[in-house]
PDB file of N, CA and C in Angstrom:
ATOM      1  N   LEU A   1      11.606  32.349 -12.453  1.00  0.00           N
ATOM      2  CA  LEU A   1      10.846  33.122 -11.477  1.00  0.00           C
ATOM      3  C   LEU A   1       9.566  32.391 -11.079  1.00  0.00           C
ATOM      4  N   GLN A   2       8.954  31.741 -12.046  1.00  0.00           N
ATOM      5  CA  GLN A   2       7.700  31.045 -11.766  1.00  0.00           C
ATOM      6  C   GLN A   2       7.917  29.877 -10.799  1.00  0.00           C
ATOM      7  N   ILE A   3       9.012  29.155 -10.949  1.00  0.00           N
ATOM      8  CA  ILE A   3       9.257  28.013 -10.060  1.00  0.00           C
ATOM      9  C   ILE A   3       9.563  28.474  -8.641  1.00  0.00           C
ATOM     10  N   ILE A   4      10.205  29.619  -8.491  1.00  0.00           N
ATOM     11  CA  ILE A   4      10.481  30.157  -7.157  1.00  0.00           C
ATOM     12  C   ILE A   4       9.172  30.529  -6.464  1.00  0.00           C
ATOM     13  N   ILE A   5       8.259  31.141  -7.203  1.00  0.00           N
ATOM     14  CA  ILE A   5       6.952  31.491  -6.639  1.00  0.00           C
ATOM     15  C   ILE A   5       6.190  30.230  -6.251  1.00  0.00           C
ATOM     16  N   GLN A   6       6.240  29.201  -7.082  1.00  0.00           N
ATOM     17  CA  GLN A   6       5.563  27.941  -6.765  1.00  0.00           C
ATOM     18  C   GLN A   6       6.161  27.288  -5.520  1.00  0.00           C
ATOM     19  N   CYS A   7       7.464  27.336  -5.389  1.00  0.00           N
ATOM     20  CA  CYS A   7       8.111  26.766  -4.199  1.00  0.00           C
ATOM     21  C   CYS A   7       7.719  27.533  -2.940  1.00  0.00           C
ATOM     22  N   LEU A   8       7.690  28.848  -3.015  1.00  0.00           N
ATOM     23  CA  LEU A   8       7.304  29.651  -1.853  1.00  0.00           C
ATOM     24  C   LEU A   8       5.846  29.417  -1.466  1.00  0.00           C
ATOM     25  N   VAL A   9       4.959  29.326  -2.448  1.00  0.00           N
ATOM     26  CA  VAL A   9       3.549  29.038  -2.161  1.00  0.00           C
ATOM     27  C   VAL A   9       3.420  27.652  -1.540  1.00  0.00           C
ATOM     28  N   GLY A  10       4.147  26.683  -2.057  1.00  0.00           N
ATOM     29  CA  GLY A  10       4.132  25.339  -1.481  1.00  0.00           C
ATOM     30  C   GLY A  10       4.658  25.323  -0.060  1.00  0.00           C
ATOM     31  N   LEU A  11       5.697  26.095   0.213  1.00  0.00           N
ATOM     32  CA  LEU A  11       6.248  26.191   1.562  1.00  0.00           C
ATOM     33  C   LEU A  11       5.241  26.800   2.529  1.00  0.00           C
ATOM     34  N   ILE A  12       4.564  27.847   2.096  1.00  0.00           N
ATOM     35  CA  ILE A  12       3.568  28.499   2.951  1.00  0.00           C
ATOM     36  C   ILE A  12       2.399  27.559   3.226  1.00  0.00           C
ATOM     37  N   ILE A  13       1.932  26.849   2.217  1.00  0.00           N
ATOM     38  CA  ILE A  13       0.829  25.896   2.408  1.00  0.00           C
ATOM     39  C   ILE A  13       1.257  24.759   3.330  1.00  0.00           C
ATOM     40  N   THR A  14       2.476  24.278   3.176  1.00  0.00           N
ATOM     41  CA  THR A  14       2.978  23.203   4.039  1.00  0.00           C
ATOM     42  C   THR A  14       3.095  23.668   5.482  1.00  0.00           C
ATOM     43  N   CYS A  15       3.631  24.865   5.700  1.00  0.00           N
ATOM     44  CA  CYS A  15       3.747  25.399   7.062  1.00  0.00           C
ATOM     45  C   CYS A  15       2.376  25.572   7.694  1.00  0.00           C
ATOM     46  N   TYR A  16       1.420  26.073   6.941  1.00  0.00           N
ATOM     47  CA  TYR A  16       0.057  26.221   7.458  1.00  0.00           C
ATOM     48  C   TYR A  16      -0.529  24.859   7.825  1.00  0.00           C
ATOM     49  N   GLY A  17      -0.345  23.878   6.969  1.00  0.00           N
ATOM     50  CA  GLY A  17      -0.874  22.545   7.242  1.00  0.00           C
ATOM     51  C   GLY A  17      -0.246  21.910   8.462  1.00  0.00           C
ATOM     52  N   VAL A  18       1.037  22.074   8.627  1.00  0.00           N
ATOM     53  CA  VAL A  18       1.722  21.475   9.778  1.00  0.00           C
ATOM     54  C   VAL A  18       1.266  22.127  11.075  1.00  0.00           C
ATOM     55  N   VAL A  19       1.121  23.433  11.081  1.00  0.00           N
ATOM     56  CA  VAL A  19       0.785  24.145  12.311  1.00  0.00           C
ATOM     57  C   VAL A  19      -0.696  24.013  12.669  1.00  0.00           C
ATOM     58  N   HIS A  20      -1.582  24.108  11.695  1.00  0.00           N
ATOM     59  CA  HIS A  20      -3.008  24.158  11.999  1.00  0.00           C
ATOM     60  C   HIS A  20      -3.714  22.811  11.930  1.00  0.00           C
ATOM     61  N   VAL A  21      -3.261  21.905  11.140  1.00  0.00           N
ATOM     62  CA  VAL A  21      -3.931  20.615  11.012  1.00  0.00           C
ATOM     63  C   VAL A  21      -3.450  19.640  12.077  1.00  0.00           C
ATOM     64  N   ALA A  22      -2.237  19.800  12.557  1.00  0.00           N
ATOM     65  CA  ALA A  22      -1.672  18.861  13.525  1.00  0.00           C
ATOM     66  C   ALA A  22      -2.393  18.911  14.863  1.00  0.00           C
ATOM     67  N   GLY A  23      -3.023  19.998  15.199  1.00  0.00           N
ATOM     68  CA  GLY A  23      -3.724  20.109  16.474  1.00  0.00           C
ATOM     69  C   GLY A  23      -2.888  20.848  17.496  1.00  0.00           C
ATOM     70  N   ILE A  24      -3.255  20.654  18.751  1.00  0.00           N
ATOM     71  CA  ILE A  24      -2.576  21.356  19.834  1.00  0.00           C
ATOM     72  C   ILE A  24      -1.243  20.670  20.126  1.00  0.00           C
ATOM     73  N   PHE A  25      -0.197  21.460  20.199  1.00  0.00           N
ATOM     74  CA  PHE A  25       1.109  20.920  20.544  1.00  0.00           C
ATOM     75  C   PHE A  25       1.163  20.678  22.047  1.00  0.00           C
ATOM     76  N   ARG A  26       1.701  19.541  22.426  1.00  0.00           N
ATOM     77  CA  ARG A  26       1.833  19.208  23.838  1.00  0.00           C
ATOM     78  C   ARG A  26       3.304  19.137  24.205  1.00  0.00           C
ATOM     79  N   GLU A  27       3.570  19.317  25.482  1.00  0.00           N
ATOM     80  CA  GLU A  27       4.936  19.259  25.979  1.00  0.00           C
ATOM     81  C   GLU A  27       5.409  17.808  26.009  1.00  0.00           C
ATOM     82  N   ILE A  28       6.633  17.592  25.597  1.00  0.00           N
ATOM     83  CA  ILE A  28       7.222  16.256  25.665  1.00  0.00           C
ATOM     84  C   ILE A  28       7.952  16.154  26.993  1.00  0.00           C
ATOM     85  N   ARG A  29       7.531  15.223  27.801  1.00  0.00           N
ATOM     86  CA  ARG A  29       8.135  15.083  29.127  1.00  0.00           C
ATOM     87  C   ARG A  29       9.111  13.919  29.131  1.00  0.00           C
ATOM     88  N   VAL A  30      10.353  14.222  29.343  1.00  0.00           N
ATOM     89  CA  VAL A  30      11.381  13.201  29.435  1.00  0.00           C
ATOM     90  C   VAL A  30      11.439  12.645  30.849  1.00  0.00           C
ATOM     91  N   SER A  31      11.080  13.458  31.806  1.00  0.00           N
ATOM     92  CA  SER A  31      11.225  13.069  33.204  1.00  0.00           C
ATOM     93  C   SER A  31      10.358  11.868  33.571  1.00  0.00           C
ATOM     94  N   ALA A  32       9.203  11.691  32.931  1.00  0.00           N
ATOM     95  CA  ALA A  32       8.328  10.570  33.272  1.00  0.00           C
ATOM     96  C   ALA A  32       8.993   9.238  32.956  1.00  0.00           C
ATOM     97  N   GLU A  33       9.712   9.178  31.853  1.00  0.00           N
ATOM     98  CA  GLU A  33      10.373   7.929  31.474  1.00  0.00           C
ATOM     99  C   GLU A  33      11.681   7.731  32.223  1.00  0.00           C
ATOM    100  N   SER A  34      12.373   8.809  32.517  1.00  0.00           N
ATOM    101  CA  SER A  34      13.697   8.678  33.124  1.00  0.00           C
ATOM    102  C   SER A  34      13.667   8.627  34.645  1.00  0.00           C
ATOM    103  N   GLU A  35      12.508   8.788  35.273  1.00  0.00           N
ATOM    104  CA  GLU A  35      12.455   8.734  36.732  1.00  0.00           C
ATOM    105  C   GLU A  35      12.790   7.349  37.265  1.00  0.00           C
ATOM    106  N   SER A  36      12.429   6.313  36.518  1.00  0.00           N
ATOM    107  CA  SER A  36      12.660   4.952  36.998  1.00  0.00           C
ATOM    108  C   SER A  36      14.065   4.447  36.670  1.00  0.00           C
ATOM    109  N   LYS A  37      14.858   5.217  35.942  1.00  0.00           N
ATOM    110  CA  LYS A  37      16.192   4.775  35.540  1.00  0.00           C
ATOM    111  C   LYS A  37      17.265   5.422  36.408  1.00  0.00           C
ATOM    112  N   THR A  38      18.335   4.688  36.609  1.00  0.00           N
ATOM    113  CA  THR A  38      19.484   5.238  37.319  1.00  0.00           C
ATOM    114  C   THR A  38      20.410   5.920  36.315  1.00  0.00           C
ATOM    115  N   TRP A  39      21.436   6.585  36.802  1.00  0.00           N
ATOM    116  CA  TRP A  39      22.385   7.243  35.904  1.00  0.00           C
ATOM    117  C   TRP A  39      23.107   6.230  35.021  1.00  0.00           C
ATOM    118  N   ASP A  40      23.331   5.020  35.534  1.00  0.00           N
ATOM    119  CA  ASP A  40      24.011   3.993  34.749  1.00  0.00           C
ATOM    120  C   ASP A  40      23.147   3.504  33.593  1.00  0.00           C
ATOM    121  N   MET A  41      21.840   3.570  33.742  1.00  0.00           N
ATOM    122  CA  MET A  41      20.931   3.047  32.728  1.00  0.00           C
ATOM    123  C   MET A  41      20.566   4.074  31.663  1.00  0.00           C
ATOM    124  N   LEU A  42      20.934   5.340  31.823  1.00  0.00           N
ATOM    125  CA  LEU A  42      20.520   6.362  30.870  1.00  0.00           C
ATOM    126  C   LEU A  42      21.118   6.152  29.486  1.00  0.00           C
ATOM    127  N   SER A  43      22.355   5.672  29.398  1.00  0.00           N
ATOM    128  CA  SER A  43      22.973   5.447  28.091  1.00  0.00           C
ATOM    129  C   SER A  43      22.887   3.991  27.657  1.00  0.00           C
ATOM    130  N   ASN A  44      22.119   3.200  28.364  1.00  0.00           N
ATOM    131  CA  ASN A  44      21.973   1.782  28.064  1.00  0.00           C
ATOM    132  C   ASN A  44      21.057   1.593  26.857  1.00  0.00           C
ATOM    133  N   ARG A  45      21.472   0.825  25.875  1.00  0.00           N
ATOM    134  CA  ARG A  45      20.676   0.574  24.672  1.00  0.00           C
ATOM    135  C   ARG A  45      20.304  -0.903  24.620  1.00  0.00           C
ATOM    136  N   GLN A  46      19.184  -1.267  25.215  1.00  0.00           N
ATOM    137  CA  GLN A  46      18.791  -2.662  25.280  1.00  0.00           C
ATOM    138  C   GLN A  46      18.424  -3.228  23.920  1.00  0.00           C
ATOM    139  N   ALA A  47      18.060  -2.398  22.968  1.00  0.00           N
ATOM    140  CA  ALA A  47      17.704  -2.882  21.643  1.00  0.00           C
ATOM    141  C   ALA A  47      18.918  -3.435  20.900  1.00  0.00           C
ATOM    142  N   PHE A  48      20.125  -3.090  21.340  1.00  0.00           N
ATOM    143  CA  PHE A  48      21.326  -3.549  20.660  1.00  0.00           C
ATOM    144  C   PHE A  48      21.961  -4.768  21.324  1.00  0.00           C
ATOM    145  N   TYR A  49      21.319  -5.327  22.351  1.00  0.00           N
ATOM    146  CA  TYR A  49      21.842  -6.534  22.980  1.00  0.00           C
ATOM    147  C   TYR A  49      21.773  -7.684  21.989  1.00  0.00           C
ATOM    148  N   MET A  50      22.837  -8.464  21.882  1.00  0.00           N
ATOM    149  CA  MET A  50      22.855  -9.610  20.984  1.00  0.00           C
ATOM    150  C   MET A  50      23.530 -10.764  21.712  1.00  0.00           C
ATOM    151  N   PHE A  51      22.799 -11.845  21.890  1.00  0.00           N
ATOM    152  CA  PHE A  51      23.329 -12.985  22.614  1.00  0.00           C
ATOM    153  C   PHE A  51      23.657 -14.154  21.687  1.00  0.00           C
ATOM    154  N   ASN A  52      23.052 -14.204  20.520  1.00  0.00           N
ATOM    155  CA  ASN A  52      23.337 -15.269  19.561  1.00  0.00           C
ATOM    156  C   ASN A  52      24.216 -14.696  18.455  1.00  0.00           C
ATOM    157  N   HIS A  53      25.506 -14.888  18.584  1.00  0.00           N
ATOM    158  CA  HIS A  53      26.425 -14.386  17.578  1.00  0.00           C
ATOM    159  C   HIS A  53      27.498 -15.440  17.335  1.00  0.00           C
ATOM    160  N   ARG A  54      28.367 -15.189  16.406  1.00  0.00           N
ATOM    161  CA  ARG A  54      29.349 -16.201  16.012  1.00  0.00           C
ATOM    162  C   ARG A  54      30.508 -16.317  16.987  1.00  0.00           C
ATOM    163  N   GLY A  55      30.528 -15.523  18.023  1.00  0.00           N
ATOM    164  CA  GLY A  55      31.586 -15.619  19.019  1.00  0.00           C
ATOM    165  C   GLY A  55      31.601 -16.963  19.714  1.00  0.00           C
ATOM    166  N   LYS A  56      30.412 -17.556  19.898  1.00  0.00           N
ATOM    167  CA  LYS A  56      30.353 -18.880  20.522  1.00  0.00           C
ATOM    168  C   LYS A  56      31.033 -19.917  19.637  1.00  0.00           C
ATOM    169  N   ALA A  57      30.823 -19.853  18.342  1.00  0.00           N
ATOM    170  CA  ALA A  57      31.428 -20.814  17.422  1.00  0.00           C
ATOM    171  C   ALA A  57      32.945 -20.646  17.382  1.00  0.00           C
ATOM    172  N   ILE A  58      33.412 -19.430  17.396  1.00  0.00           N
ATOM    173  CA  ILE A  58      34.854 -19.187  17.385  1.00  0.00           C
ATOM    174  C   ILE A  58      35.478 -19.675  18.683  1.00  0.00           C
ATOM    175  N   HIS A  59      34.817 -19.412  19.791  1.00  0.00           N
ATOM    176  CA  HIS A  59      35.340 -19.831  21.089  1.00  0.00           C
ATOM    177  C   HIS A  59      35.356 -21.354  21.203  1.00  0.00           C
ATOM    178  N   SER A  60      34.313 -22.021  20.710  1.00  0.00           N
ATOM    179  CA  SER A  60      34.275 -23.483  20.815  1.00  0.00           C
ATOM    180  C   SER A  60      35.313 -24.126  19.897  1.00  0.00           C
ATOM    181  N   SER A  61      35.603 -23.537  18.743  1.00  0.00           N
ATOM    182  CA  SER A  61      36.621 -24.116  17.861  1.00  0.00           C
ATOM    183  C   SER A  61      38.015 -23.935  18.462  1.00  0.00           C
ATOM    184  N   ASN A  62      38.228 -22.845  19.180  1.00  0.00           N
ATOM    185  CA  ASN A  62      39.521 -22.649  19.841  1.00  0.00           C
ATOM    186  C   ASN A  62      39.724 -23.667  20.951  1.00  0.00           C
ATOM    187  N   ARG A  63      38.685 -24.009  21.663  1.00  0.00           N
ATOM    188  CA  ARG A  63      38.807 -24.999  22.729  1.00  0.00           C
ATOM    189  C   ARG A  63      39.075 -26.382  22.145  1.00  0.00           C
ATOM    190  N   ALA A  64      38.425 -26.703  21.020  1.00  0.00           N
ATOM    191  CA  ALA A  64      38.591 -28.032  20.427  1.00  0.00           C
ATOM    192  C   ALA A  64      40.003 -28.200  19.867  1.00  0.00           C
ATOM    193  N   GLY A  65      40.536 -27.154  19.259  1.00  0.00           N
ATOM    194  CA  GLY A  65      41.861 -27.245  18.663  1.00  0.00           C
ATOM    195  C   GLY A  65      42.973 -26.895  19.625  1.00  0.00           C
ATOM    196  N   HIS A  66      42.656 -26.416  20.795  1.00  0.00           N
ATOM    197  CA  HIS A  66      43.625 -26.001  21.815  1.00  0.00           C
ATOM    198  C   HIS A  66      44.610 -24.978  21.266  1.00  0.00           C
ATOM    199  N   PHE A  67      44.063 -23.963  20.592  1.00  0.00           N
ATOM    200  CA  PHE A  67      44.915 -22.880  20.102  1.00  0.00           C
ATOM    201  C   PHE A  67      45.205 -21.929  21.241  1.00  0.00           C
ATOM    202  N   GLY A  68      46.315 -21.266  21.167  1.00  0.00           N
ATOM    203  CA  GLY A  68      46.558 -20.215  22.129  1.00  0.00           C
ATOM    204  C   GLY A  68      47.775 -20.462  22.861  1.00  0.00           C
TER     205      GLY A  68
END
């Protein structure tokens, strides 16, 4: 019973800290970032682009050995 009371008190203190210490909540605007993008670019993940990979080495070895 004591641990349940401690958990509830901790939860209440945490909720109070998150709501009152964080400051004023502001609206998150998605439209400002997405106005410059087209529909094709919305699902584009530029962080996952990779140009240096082992595909070049595999392709060059196939050309040298004339496999295929």
